[in-house]
Protein backbone atom coordinates (compact mmCIF):
# COMPACT_ATOMS: atom_id res chain seq x y z
CA UNK A 1 -48.23 -0.51 -13.67
CA UNK A 2 -46.45 -3.79 -15.56
CA UNK A 3 -42.57 -3.40 -14.53
CA UNK A 4 -41.60 -6.49 -16.83
CA UNK A 5 -41.91 -6.51 -20.04
CA UNK A 6 -43.68 -10.13 -19.71
CA UNK A 7 -48.38 -9.92 -19.16
CA UNK A 8 -50.29 -11.49 -16.18
CA UNK A 9 -52.49 -12.49 -17.49
CA UNK A 10 -56.08 -14.38 -15.81
CA UNK A 11 -59.46 -15.42 -17.03
CA UNK A 12 -62.32 -16.06 -16.33
CA UNK A 13 -64.22 -19.10 -18.26
CA UNK A 14 -63.67 -22.72 -18.25
CA UNK A 15 -65.58 -22.85 -22.22
CA UNK A 16 -64.06 -21.40 -25.08
CA UNK A 17 -61.76 -19.39 -21.84
CA UNK A 18 -60.55 -22.83 -21.33
CA UNK A 19 -60.52 -23.76 -25.00
CA UNK A 20 -59.14 -21.54 -27.25
CA UNK A 21 -57.68 -18.56 -24.86
CA UNK A 22 -55.84 -20.56 -22.45
CA UNK A 23 -54.42 -22.80 -25.49
CA UNK A 24 -53.41 -19.51 -27.06
CA UNK A 25 -52.04 -16.97 -24.37
CA UNK A 26 -49.85 -20.04 -23.41
CA UNK A 27 -47.50 -20.00 -26.71
CA UNK A 28 -47.15 -16.20 -26.29
CA UNK A 29 -43.58 -15.25 -25.31
CA UNK A 30 -44.62 -11.88 -23.44
CA UNK A 31 -47.69 -13.83 -21.34
CA UNK A 32 -47.60 -15.05 -17.95
CA UNK A 33 -50.78 -16.77 -17.15
CA UNK A 34 -51.33 -16.29 -14.20
CA UNK A 35 -54.81 -18.40 -13.95
CA UNK A 36 -58.08 -19.35 -14.30
CA UNK A 37 -61.43 -18.69 -12.59
CA UNK A 38 -65.28 -19.38 -13.33
CA UNK A 39 -68.01 -20.12 -10.86
CA UNK A 40 -67.08 -24.22 -11.71
CA UNK A 41 -64.42 -24.69 -8.53
CA UNK A 42 -63.95 -27.79 -9.61
CA UNK A 43 -63.45 -27.26 -13.72
CA UNK A 44 -61.18 -24.21 -12.56
CA UNK A 45 -59.13 -26.06 -10.49
CA UNK A 46 -58.72 -29.51 -12.76
CA UNK A 47 -57.87 -26.83 -15.38
CA UNK A 48 -55.31 -25.38 -12.81
CA UNK A 49 -53.05 -28.53 -12.28
CA UNK A 50 -53.40 -29.46 -15.65
CA UNK A 51 -51.54 -26.58 -16.59
CA UNK A 52 -49.82 -25.69 -14.10
CA UNK A 53 -50.48 -22.36 -13.93
CA UNK A 54 -49.55 -21.21 -10.85
CA UNK A 55 -52.17 -19.42 -9.07
CA UNK A 56 -55.33 -20.73 -7.50
CA UNK A 57 -58.48 -18.77 -7.53
CA UNK A 58 -60.80 -19.27 -5.77
CA UNK A 59 -63.65 -16.12 -8.14
CA UNK A 60 -63.30 -14.10 -10.62
CA UNK A 61 -63.08 -11.00 -8.25
CA UNK A 62 -60.34 -13.33 -7.03
CA UNK A 63 -58.68 -13.35 -10.51
CA UNK A 64 -59.80 -9.39 -10.92
CA UNK A 65 -57.95 -7.98 -7.89
CA UNK A 66 -54.79 -10.71 -8.13
CA UNK A 67 -51.91 -7.82 -8.12
CA UNK A 68 -50.31 -10.22 -10.60
CA UNK A 69 -52.71 -10.08 -13.42
CA UNK A 70 -52.38 -7.20 -16.16
CA UNK A 71 -54.88 -8.37 -18.62
CA UNK A 72 -58.10 -9.89 -17.30
CA UNK A 73 -59.58 -12.13 -20.29
CA UNK A 74 -63.55 -12.19 -19.65
CA UNK A 75 -64.96 -15.08 -21.78
CA UNK A 76 -67.88 -15.73 -20.42
CA UNK A 77 -71.49 -15.62 -21.81
CA UNK A 78 -73.19 -12.23 -22.75
CA UNK A 79 -75.38 -11.81 -20.43
CA UNK A 80 -73.03 -12.03 -17.24
CA UNK A 81 -70.46 -9.97 -19.16
CA UNK A 82 -71.41 -6.32 -17.09
CA UNK A 83 -70.23 -7.02 -13.63
CA UNK A 84 -66.89 -8.41 -14.41
CA UNK A 85 -65.86 -6.24 -16.73
CA UNK A 86 -66.98 -3.04 -14.50
CA UNK A 87 -64.91 -5.05 -11.41
CA UNK A 88 -61.95 -4.96 -14.45
CA UNK A 89 -62.38 -1.25 -15.08
CA UNK A 90 -62.61 0.18 -11.88
CA UNK A 91 -59.06 -2.56 -10.48
CA UNK A 92 -57.64 -0.34 -13.63
CA UNK A 93 -56.60 -3.55 -15.58
CA UNK A 94 -56.50 -3.75 -19.27
CA UNK A 95 -59.69 -6.28 -20.55
CA UNK A 96 -60.30 -8.44 -23.31
CA UNK A 97 -63.82 -9.38 -23.81
CA UNK A 98 -65.15 -12.25 -25.71
CA UNK A 99 -67.85 -11.43 -28.43
CA UNK A 100 -71.21 -10.91 -28.21
CA UNK A 101 -70.00 -7.65 -26.47
CA UNK A 102 -72.68 -8.11 -23.66
CA UNK A 103 -76.96 -8.48 -24.49
CA UNK A 104 -77.56 -4.50 -24.64
CA UNK A 105 -76.23 -1.86 -26.66
CA UNK A 106 -77.31 0.40 -24.23
CA UNK A 107 -74.44 -1.53 -21.40
CA UNK A 108 -72.01 -1.64 -24.23
CA UNK A 109 -72.33 2.03 -24.46
CA UNK A 110 -71.71 2.52 -20.71
CA UNK A 111 -68.93 -0.20 -20.45
CA UNK A 112 -66.79 1.86 -23.90
CA UNK A 113 -67.84 4.80 -22.11
CA UNK A 114 -66.09 3.79 -18.77
CA UNK A 115 -63.30 2.20 -20.28
CA UNK A 116 -62.65 5.30 -22.15
CA UNK A 117 -63.19 7.54 -19.22
CA UNK A 118 -60.36 4.90 -17.75
CA UNK A 119 -58.04 5.20 -20.15
CA UNK A 120 -57.37 0.84 -20.07
CA UNK A 121 -56.29 -0.83 -23.17
CA UNK A 122 -59.75 -2.69 -23.97
CA UNK A 123 -60.78 -5.37 -26.76
CA UNK A 124 -63.35 -7.60 -28.75
CA UNK A 125 -62.44 -10.99 -29.47
CA UNK A 126 -63.54 -10.26 -32.77
CA UNK A 127 -60.82 -12.64 -34.46
CA UNK A 128 -61.38 -12.74 -37.94
CA UNK A 129 -59.74 -10.14 -38.84
CA UNK A 130 -56.78 -11.71 -38.04
CA UNK A 131 -57.48 -15.08 -40.06
CA UNK A 132 -55.20 -15.04 -43.32
CA UNK A 133 -57.83 -14.41 -46.27
CA UNK A 134 -59.95 -12.03 -44.69
CA UNK A 135 -56.93 -9.92 -44.23
CA UNK A 136 -55.84 -10.47 -47.99
CA UNK A 137 -59.47 -9.09 -49.04
CA UNK A 138 -59.27 -6.35 -46.16
CA UNK A 139 -55.88 -5.20 -48.53
CA UNK A 140 -57.32 -5.94 -52.03
CA UNK A 141 -60.05 -3.36 -51.29
CA UNK A 142 -57.63 -1.43 -49.15
CA UNK A 143 -54.99 -0.77 -52.07
CA UNK A 144 -58.22 -0.66 -54.75
CA UNK A 145 -56.89 -3.94 -56.75
CA UNK A 146 -60.99 -4.17 -57.71
CA UNK A 147 -61.27 -0.53 -57.98
CA UNK A 148 -64.57 1.40 -56.63
CA UNK A 149 -66.83 -0.91 -54.15
CA UNK A 150 -70.39 -1.39 -56.32
CA UNK A 151 -72.16 -4.42 -53.93
CA UNK A 152 -71.32 -7.62 -51.68
CA UNK A 153 -72.88 -10.77 -50.53
CA UNK A 154 -71.91 -13.05 -47.51
CA UNK A 155 -72.85 -16.45 -46.92
CA UNK A 156 -72.49 -18.49 -43.34
CA UNK A 157 -74.21 -21.32 -43.36
CA UNK A 158 -73.10 -24.41 -40.57
CA UNK A 159 -74.59 -26.90 -39.09
CA UNK A 160 -73.86 -26.44 -35.29
CA UNK A 161 -77.27 -26.53 -34.10
CA UNK A 162 -79.06 -28.23 -37.01
CA UNK A 163 -79.58 -31.84 -34.48
CA UNK A 164 -83.10 -31.92 -33.10
CA UNK A 165 -81.43 -33.94 -30.15
CA UNK A 166 -78.91 -31.68 -29.39
CA UNK A 167 -79.95 -30.23 -25.62
CA UNK A 168 -80.85 -26.74 -24.93
CA UNK A 169 -78.20 -24.16 -23.37
CA UNK A 170 -78.73 -20.76 -23.10
CA UNK A 171 -77.37 -19.51 -26.42
CA UNK A 172 -81.23 -21.31 -27.07
CA UNK A 173 -81.87 -17.69 -25.16
CA UNK A 174 -82.82 -14.20 -27.47
CA UNK A 175 -82.72 -12.86 -24.33
CA UNK A 176 -79.64 -13.53 -22.78
CA UNK A 177 -78.06 -13.29 -26.15
CA UNK A 178 -78.44 -16.42 -28.28
CA UNK A 179 -79.15 -16.82 -31.47
CA UNK A 180 -77.14 -17.05 -34.94
CA UNK A 181 -76.78 -12.95 -35.30
CA UNK A 182 -74.69 -13.01 -31.50
CA UNK A 183 -72.35 -16.48 -32.79
CA UNK A 184 -72.33 -15.44 -36.58
CA UNK A 185 -73.50 -12.85 -37.11
CA UNK A 186 -71.29 -10.13 -34.87
CA UNK A 187 -68.69 -11.18 -37.07
CA UNK A 188 -69.76 -10.21 -40.18
CA UNK A 189 -71.26 -6.70 -39.03
CA UNK A 190 -67.92 -6.61 -37.62
CA UNK A 191 -66.01 -7.12 -40.88
CA UNK A 192 -68.68 -5.21 -43.07
CA UNK A 193 -67.55 -2.55 -41.14
CA UNK A 194 -63.69 -3.07 -41.18
CA UNK A 195 -64.09 -3.48 -44.46
CA UNK A 196 -66.79 -0.88 -46.53
CA UNK A 197 -67.56 1.29 -43.41
CA UNK A 198 -70.31 1.86 -40.40
CA UNK A 199 -73.70 0.97 -41.64
CA UNK A 200 -76.73 3.37 -42.25
CA UNK A 201 -79.85 1.17 -42.02
CA UNK A 202 -80.91 -2.80 -42.77
CA UNK A 203 -84.10 -5.40 -43.10
CA UNK A 204 -83.37 -8.44 -42.16
CA UNK A 205 -85.65 -11.62 -41.85
CA UNK A 206 -85.10 -14.09 -38.99
CA UNK A 207 -86.34 -17.58 -38.32
CA UNK A 208 -86.65 -20.11 -35.35
CA UNK A 209 -86.35 -23.93 -37.31
CA UNK A 210 -86.20 -25.85 -34.58
CA UNK A 211 -88.50 -24.58 -32.50
CA UNK A 212 -88.49 -26.87 -28.74
CA UNK A 213 -85.19 -28.67 -27.34
CA UNK A 214 -84.69 -30.40 -23.92
CA UNK A 215 -82.11 -29.19 -21.60
CA UNK A 216 -79.38 -31.34 -19.91
CA UNK A 217 -81.80 -32.31 -17.39
CA UNK A 218 -84.39 -33.89 -20.63
CA UNK A 219 -87.50 -30.99 -19.58
CA UNK A 220 -88.97 -29.66 -22.79
CA UNK A 221 -87.46 -25.54 -23.22
CA UNK A 222 -88.78 -23.24 -25.85
CA UNK A 223 -86.47 -21.79 -28.26
CA UNK A 224 -86.20 -18.42 -28.19
CA UNK A 225 -83.45 -17.12 -30.64
CA UNK A 226 -82.93 -17.88 -34.27
CA UNK A 227 -81.33 -19.45 -35.88
CA UNK A 228 -81.29 -18.38 -39.72
CA UNK A 229 -81.04 -14.51 -40.78
CA UNK A 230 -81.54 -12.82 -44.27
CA UNK A 231 -80.35 -9.64 -43.86
CA UNK A 232 -79.75 -6.46 -46.31
CA UNK A 233 -77.59 -3.60 -45.12
CA UNK A 234 -76.78 0.01 -46.72
CA UNK A 235 -73.25 1.70 -45.20
CA UNK A 236 -72.64 5.05 -45.52
CA UNK A 237 -71.05 5.09 -48.04
CA UNK A 238 -74.14 3.88 -50.16
CA UNK A 239 -72.65 0.11 -50.97
CA UNK A 240 -74.98 -2.53 -50.93
CA UNK A 241 -74.50 -5.72 -48.61
CA UNK A 242 -76.74 -8.71 -48.17
CA UNK A 243 -75.88 -11.09 -45.65
CA UNK A 244 -77.09 -14.86 -45.16
CA UNK A 245 -76.67 -16.55 -41.65
CA UNK A 246 -77.42 -19.83 -40.20
CA UNK A 247 -76.17 -22.62 -37.91
CA UNK A 248 -78.79 -24.66 -38.07
CA UNK A 249 -78.11 -26.07 -41.90
CA UNK A 250 -76.76 -29.73 -41.77
CA UNK A 251 -75.69 -29.55 -45.51
CA UNK A 252 -73.98 -25.85 -44.56
CA UNK A 253 -71.92 -24.51 -47.89
CA UNK A 254 -69.24 -22.73 -44.59
CA UNK A 255 -68.02 -19.37 -45.04
CA UNK A 256 -68.31 -17.76 -48.56
CA UNK A 257 -67.90 -13.71 -49.87
CA UNK A 258 -68.70 -11.87 -52.85
CA UNK A 259 -67.00 -8.53 -52.98
CA UNK A 260 -67.36 -6.81 -56.89
CA UNK A 261 -65.69 -3.51 -57.61
CA UNK A 262 -65.65 -1.43 -61.13
CA UNK A 263 -63.15 -3.52 -62.18
CA UNK A 264 -63.25 -7.34 -60.76
CA UNK A 265 -64.51 -9.02 -58.06
CA UNK A 266 -63.22 -11.35 -54.33
CA UNK A 267 -64.14 -14.31 -54.09
CA UNK A 268 -64.24 -16.19 -51.01
CA UNK A 269 -64.96 -19.96 -50.56
CA UNK A 270 -64.78 -21.92 -48.09
CA UNK A 271 -64.15 -26.09 -48.44
CA UNK A 272 -65.97 -27.10 -45.17
CA UNK A 273 -68.34 -25.91 -42.34
CA UNK A 274 -65.32 -25.07 -39.86
CA UNK A 275 -64.24 -22.07 -38.30
CA UNK A 276 -61.86 -20.39 -40.16
CA UNK A 277 -59.90 -23.66 -42.23
CA UNK A 278 -59.85 -24.41 -45.82
CA UNK A 279 -60.65 -20.86 -47.28
CA UNK A 280 -59.48 -20.00 -49.62
CA UNK A 281 -59.52 -16.16 -51.78
CA UNK A 282 -59.39 -15.30 -55.64
CA UNK A 283 -59.57 -12.24 -57.49
CA UNK A 284 -61.51 -12.05 -60.85
CA UNK A 285 -60.84 -9.18 -63.45
CA UNK A 286 -62.93 -10.49 -65.99
CA UNK A 287 -64.82 -13.96 -67.42
CA UNK A 288 -61.20 -15.02 -68.76
CA UNK A 289 -58.86 -13.91 -66.02
CA UNK A 290 -59.04 -15.77 -62.73
CA UNK A 291 -56.11 -15.33 -59.99
CA UNK A 292 -55.50 -17.61 -56.80
CA UNK A 293 -54.93 -15.31 -53.89
CA UNK A 294 -51.71 -17.19 -52.55
CA UNK A 295 -52.23 -17.39 -48.57
CA UNK A 296 -50.62 -19.18 -45.49
CA UNK A 297 -50.65 -22.56 -45.11
CA UNK A 298 -53.63 -24.25 -43.24
CA UNK A 299 -54.92 -24.22 -40.08
CA UNK A 300 -52.72 -28.05 -39.24
CA UNK A 301 -54.74 -30.49 -38.59
CA UNK A 302 -55.91 -31.84 -35.28
CA UNK A 303 -55.16 -28.29 -33.71
CA UNK A 304 -58.70 -26.33 -32.72
CA UNK A 305 -59.54 -24.30 -35.74
CA UNK A 306 -60.33 -21.21 -33.42
CA UNK A 307 -57.41 -20.87 -31.65
CA UNK A 308 -54.57 -19.22 -34.14
CA UNK A 309 -56.57 -16.90 -34.87
CA UNK A 310 -57.45 -15.59 -30.78
CA UNK A 311 -53.61 -16.22 -30.75
CA UNK A 312 -52.92 -13.77 -33.28
CA UNK A 313 -55.85 -11.31 -31.76
CA UNK A 314 -53.88 -11.74 -28.45
CA UNK A 315 -50.53 -10.74 -29.56
CA UNK A 316 -51.45 -7.57 -30.82
CA UNK A 317 -53.50 -6.84 -27.95
CA UNK A 318 -50.49 -7.87 -25.15
CA UNK A 319 -47.90 -5.78 -27.93
CA UNK A 320 -50.33 -2.92 -27.55
CA UNK A 321 -50.28 -2.89 -23.43
CA UNK A 322 -47.09 -3.68 -23.38
CA UNK A 323 -46.40 -0.07 -25.74
CA UNK A 324 -49.45 0.99 -23.53
CA UNK A 325 -51.55 2.06 -26.58
CA UNK A 326 -54.81 2.22 -25.92
CA UNK A 327 -56.67 2.71 -29.68
CA UNK A 328 -56.13 -0.65 -29.52
CA UNK A 329 -58.80 -3.01 -32.52
CA UNK A 330 -60.95 -4.40 -32.15
CA UNK A 331 -61.58 -2.42 -29.14
CA UNK A 332 -65.19 -2.32 -27.23
CA UNK A 333 -66.80 0.26 -30.08
CA UNK A 334 -66.28 -2.84 -32.82
CA UNK A 335 -68.40 -4.26 -30.00
CA UNK A 336 -70.83 -2.59 -29.28
CA UNK A 337 -71.13 -0.86 -33.06
CA UNK A 338 -71.65 -5.32 -34.02
CA UNK A 339 -74.07 -5.13 -31.12
CA UNK A 340 -76.25 -2.18 -32.42
CA UNK A 341 -76.45 -3.83 -35.94
CA UNK A 342 -77.41 -6.92 -34.20
CA UNK A 343 -80.24 -4.96 -32.21
CA UNK A 344 -81.65 -3.16 -35.43
CA UNK A 345 -81.84 -6.86 -37.10
CA UNK A 346 -84.56 -8.21 -34.62
CA UNK A 347 -86.44 -5.32 -34.71
CA UNK A 348 -86.30 -5.49 -38.60
CA UNK A 349 -87.10 -8.84 -38.38
CA UNK A 350 -90.22 -8.12 -35.98
CA UNK A 351 -91.61 -5.20 -37.86
CA UNK A 352 -91.45 -5.96 -40.96
CA UNK A 353 -89.54 -2.55 -41.72
CA UNK A 354 -85.87 -0.66 -42.60
CA UNK A 355 -84.23 0.29 -39.52
CA UNK A 356 -81.73 2.80 -38.60
CA UNK A 357 -78.60 1.48 -36.74
CA UNK A 358 -77.51 4.39 -34.59
CA UNK A 359 -74.05 6.06 -34.60
CA UNK A 360 -72.09 6.28 -32.09
């Protein structure tokens, strides 16, 4: 039970959790960051001192069990999420999970069901929904600015893994939840369903351009996770969508979208590969009519561009917890849907056939 109009937050994970979530939560007035925990005790201690956090936790389990923590943010790789989330649910606390939401739709389904049965507030960090450019497109689709939706193309090409000398990590292991469909794809699968409704079926091709990498100890390891994906999707509404993804494109053009209606087109363009920065939205009614959509000022230079959209989502989540609103979106259900689409992509790529996406 939350006694004060302030949420006690505990973060598990010292990667994304420390780089993005910690400063994001610290900037919210309704939040008291109680502490951070991970298996790396040394890094946890350093962060606790650096940010003068009130509690030093010896383990993630210690953090979850703290009476001062109301919301637990699980910012660990997908293969490590399940056990921690189950502990949070058993403790009756609100939970935010990083994407991708587990590395199995079966596990994701079980966690969603458990969270629903427990009556807790649950969320997945699909913070792309919070970007002003994406929100403006969602609004224009809903208000019918371009008429009836006809089709869409999405391209997200970046070079984060283009360097063959970058060391092998879990992101290179498909069984651990690695790959471009887990890193970038689940964001776009969530956006597609947010814009156009459930995906019904798809056909996909994936490939691995860099097949081996050395790990931090210098041992050569096989890369089993895809770094390119080309996907055709059909939504239940009949709208066809094409998505191209790559995180190994050194000359990648960033994120772009073309959304076509019977009265016009909405275009999203990016001036940089950097996450969420340099996005512009255009409305095209015909060959002679082009209008730039006014957006808030771009993310400030020098600031990690992932922090503002995360902070926006976290702020909405905190308000939902304070109001005891259990229907927060994006919830575990959104994470489950993205995982089902991701699995269908990998299945289609292996079989060369169209694959139906399971309904919930």
